[in-house]
Amino acid sequence: MSLEVLINNDLKQAMLAKDKVKLAALRAIKAALLMEKTGADTSGTEIPETVEIKLLQKQVKQRKDAAEIYRESGRPELAEEEEFQAAIIEKYLPQQMSREEVEEIVTKIIADSGASSMKDMGKVMGAASKQLAGKADNKTISSIVKEKLS
């Protein structure tokens, strides 16, 4: 079942359950998918899974950033709502790898590419980002690469 169909089914269930927070998160996903679908690159066609994953990761990141800002502003109730929405969106993402698994793969990439200093970070990040696309966020990958190369 495609992500779009899955979202629509869950959207209907959230409407019937009158779950406003879940409904808001699902509507945001649906809007992002619709914007991508009507964009110049994919006009009217099926959205590739990699693009769907990137869209969902972007939605999660936006929610987590907003939650952080709300916490700093002294609005914990809004922060909790944003975190709940992020958790709902994360359910549609593939299982994320643990930090240890990412470290193992990054170490292998560094060994294969012969990288030895921070000058090689771009090369390692490029390979790691491709290999770990959708399985780990770039922030985690970047911090591990910096750790290993310094």
Protein backbone atom coordinates (compact mmCIF):
# COMPACT_ATOMS: atom_id res chain seq x y z
CA MET A 1 0.00 0.00 0.00
CA SER A 2 1.38 3.41 -0.94
CA LEU A 3 2.06 6.03 1.69
CA GLU A 4 -0.63 8.28 0.25
CA VAL A 5 -3.33 5.60 0.59
CA LEU A 6 -2.12 4.75 4.09
CA ILE A 7 -2.27 8.42 5.13
CA ASN A 8 -5.78 8.81 3.68
CA ASN A 9 -7.02 5.74 5.58
CA ASP A 10 -5.47 6.95 8.84
CA LEU A 11 -6.87 10.43 8.18
CA LYS A 12 -10.40 8.98 7.97
CA GLN A 13 -9.86 7.04 11.21
CA ALA A 14 -8.57 10.16 12.98
CA MET A 15 -11.62 12.10 11.78
CA LEU A 16 -13.97 9.42 13.09
CA ALA A 17 -12.09 9.33 16.41
CA LYS A 18 -12.07 13.15 16.54
CA ASP A 19 -8.34 13.07 17.33
CA LYS A 20 -7.41 16.68 16.52
CA VAL A 21 -3.64 16.41 17.10
CA LYS A 22 -3.28 13.28 14.97
CA LEU A 23 -5.53 14.86 12.35
CA ALA A 24 -3.30 17.95 12.17
CA ALA A 25 -0.17 15.81 11.71
CA LEU A 26 -1.78 13.66 9.02
CA ARG A 27 -3.13 16.70 7.18
CA ALA A 28 0.36 18.22 7.17
CA ILE A 29 1.78 15.03 5.66
CA LYS A 30 -1.00 14.90 3.07
CA ALA A 31 -0.43 18.56 2.16
CA ALA A 32 3.32 18.00 1.76
CA LEU A 33 2.71 14.94 -0.42
CA LEU A 34 0.19 16.84 -2.51
CA MET A 35 2.60 19.76 -2.96
CA GLU A 36 5.31 17.36 -4.07
CA LYS A 37 2.94 15.51 -6.39
CA THR A 38 1.80 18.69 -8.12
CA GLY A 39 5.35 20.05 -8.36
CA ALA A 40 7.19 20.43 -11.65
CA ASP A 41 9.28 17.26 -11.29
CA THR A 42 6.54 14.75 -10.54
CA SER A 43 3.40 16.40 -11.89
CA GLY A 44 0.61 13.88 -11.51
CA THR A 45 2.80 10.79 -11.19
CA GLU A 46 3.54 8.55 -8.22
CA ILE A 47 6.08 10.01 -5.78
CA PRO A 48 9.22 7.86 -5.39
CA GLU A 49 9.68 6.28 -1.95
CA THR A 50 12.96 8.11 -1.34
CA VAL A 51 11.22 11.46 -1.87
CA GLU A 52 8.40 10.39 0.47
CA ILE A 53 10.95 9.51 3.16
CA LYS A 54 12.70 12.87 2.77
CA LEU A 55 9.35 14.67 3.04
CA LEU A 56 8.48 12.79 6.22
CA GLN A 57 11.91 13.43 7.72
CA LYS A 58 11.50 17.12 6.94
CA GLN A 59 8.08 17.15 8.64
CA VAL A 60 9.52 15.45 11.74
CA LYS A 61 12.43 17.89 11.87
CA GLN A 62 10.06 20.86 11.61
CA ARG A 63 7.94 19.52 14.48
CA LYS A 64 10.97 18.86 16.70
CA ASP A 65 12.44 22.30 15.98
CA ALA A 66 9.09 23.93 16.75
CA ALA A 67 8.84 21.95 20.01
CA GLU A 68 12.29 23.15 21.02
CA ILE A 69 11.35 26.77 20.31
CA TYR A 70 8.10 26.40 22.27
CA ARG A 71 10.01 24.98 25.26
CA GLU A 72 12.46 27.89 25.17
CA SER A 73 9.51 30.29 25.05
CA GLY A 74 7.87 28.72 28.09
CA ARG A 75 5.05 27.00 26.19
CA PRO A 76 5.37 23.32 27.22
CA GLU A 77 1.81 22.41 26.17
CA LEU A 78 2.49 23.46 22.57
CA ALA A 79 5.87 21.71 22.67
CA GLU A 80 4.18 18.47 23.75
CA GLU A 81 1.67 18.77 20.92
CA GLU A 82 4.47 19.23 18.36
CA GLU A 83 6.39 16.26 19.80
CA PHE A 84 3.24 14.12 19.63
CA GLN A 85 2.78 15.09 15.98
CA ALA A 86 6.45 14.25 15.29
CA ALA A 87 5.91 10.82 16.87
CA ILE A 88 2.86 10.23 14.65
CA ILE A 89 4.81 11.17 11.51
CA GLU A 90 7.78 8.98 12.57
CA LYS A 91 5.47 5.94 12.47
CA TYR A 92 5.42 6.25 8.68
CA LEU A 93 9.22 6.35 8.40
CA PRO A 94 11.33 3.20 8.05
CA GLN A 95 12.99 1.99 11.26
CA GLN A 96 15.94 4.24 12.11
CA MET A 97 19.32 2.64 12.72
CA SER A 98 20.96 2.86 16.13
CA ARG A 99 24.00 5.08 16.62
CA GLU A 100 26.22 1.99 16.93
CA GLU A 101 25.00 0.61 13.58
CA VAL A 102 25.61 3.98 11.91
CA GLU A 103 29.10 4.16 13.46
CA GLU A 104 29.89 0.70 12.08
CA ILE A 105 28.85 1.68 8.55
CA VAL A 106 30.66 5.04 8.70
CA THR A 107 33.85 3.30 9.90
CA LYS A 108 33.60 0.91 6.93
CA ILE A 109 33.06 3.81 4.50
CA ILE A 110 36.08 5.66 5.93
CA ALA A 111 38.22 2.52 5.56
CA ASP A 112 36.99 1.87 1.99
CA SER A 113 37.52 5.47 0.87
CA GLY A 114 40.89 5.86 2.59
CA ALA A 115 39.76 9.06 4.32
CA SER A 116 42.12 10.22 7.04
CA SER A 117 41.38 13.87 7.85
CA MET A 118 38.58 16.42 7.98
CA LYS A 119 39.45 17.36 4.39
CA ASP A 120 37.86 14.07 3.33
CA MET A 121 34.62 14.72 5.22
CA GLY A 122 32.66 15.67 2.10
CA LYS A 123 33.61 12.46 0.35
CA VAL A 124 32.68 10.34 3.38
CA MET A 125 29.42 12.25 3.99
CA GLY A 126 28.37 11.80 0.36
CA ALA A 127 28.87 8.05 0.48
CA ALA A 128 27.33 7.72 3.96
CA SER A 129 24.29 9.82 3.06
CA LYS A 130 23.58 7.65 0.02
CA GLN A 131 24.04 4.40 1.90
CA LEU A 132 22.06 5.47 4.97
CA ALA A 133 19.30 7.43 3.21
CA GLY A 134 16.11 7.15 5.25
CA LYS A 135 17.78 4.95 7.86
CA ALA A 136 19.59 7.67 9.81
CA ASP A 137 19.40 11.46 9.89
CA ASN A 138 22.26 13.48 8.42
CA LYS A 139 22.88 15.26 11.73
CA THR A 140 23.79 11.95 13.38
CA ILE A 141 25.86 10.83 10.40
CA SER A 142 27.73 14.16 10.36
CA SER A 143 28.57 14.04 14.06
CA ILE A 144 29.88 10.47 13.74
CA VAL A 145 31.98 11.33 10.66
CA LYS A 146 33.48 14.34 12.48
CA GLU A 147 34.21 12.15 15.49
CA LYS A 148 35.94 9.48 13.39
CA LEU A 149 37.97 11.88 11.22
CA SER A 150 39.23 14.17 13.97
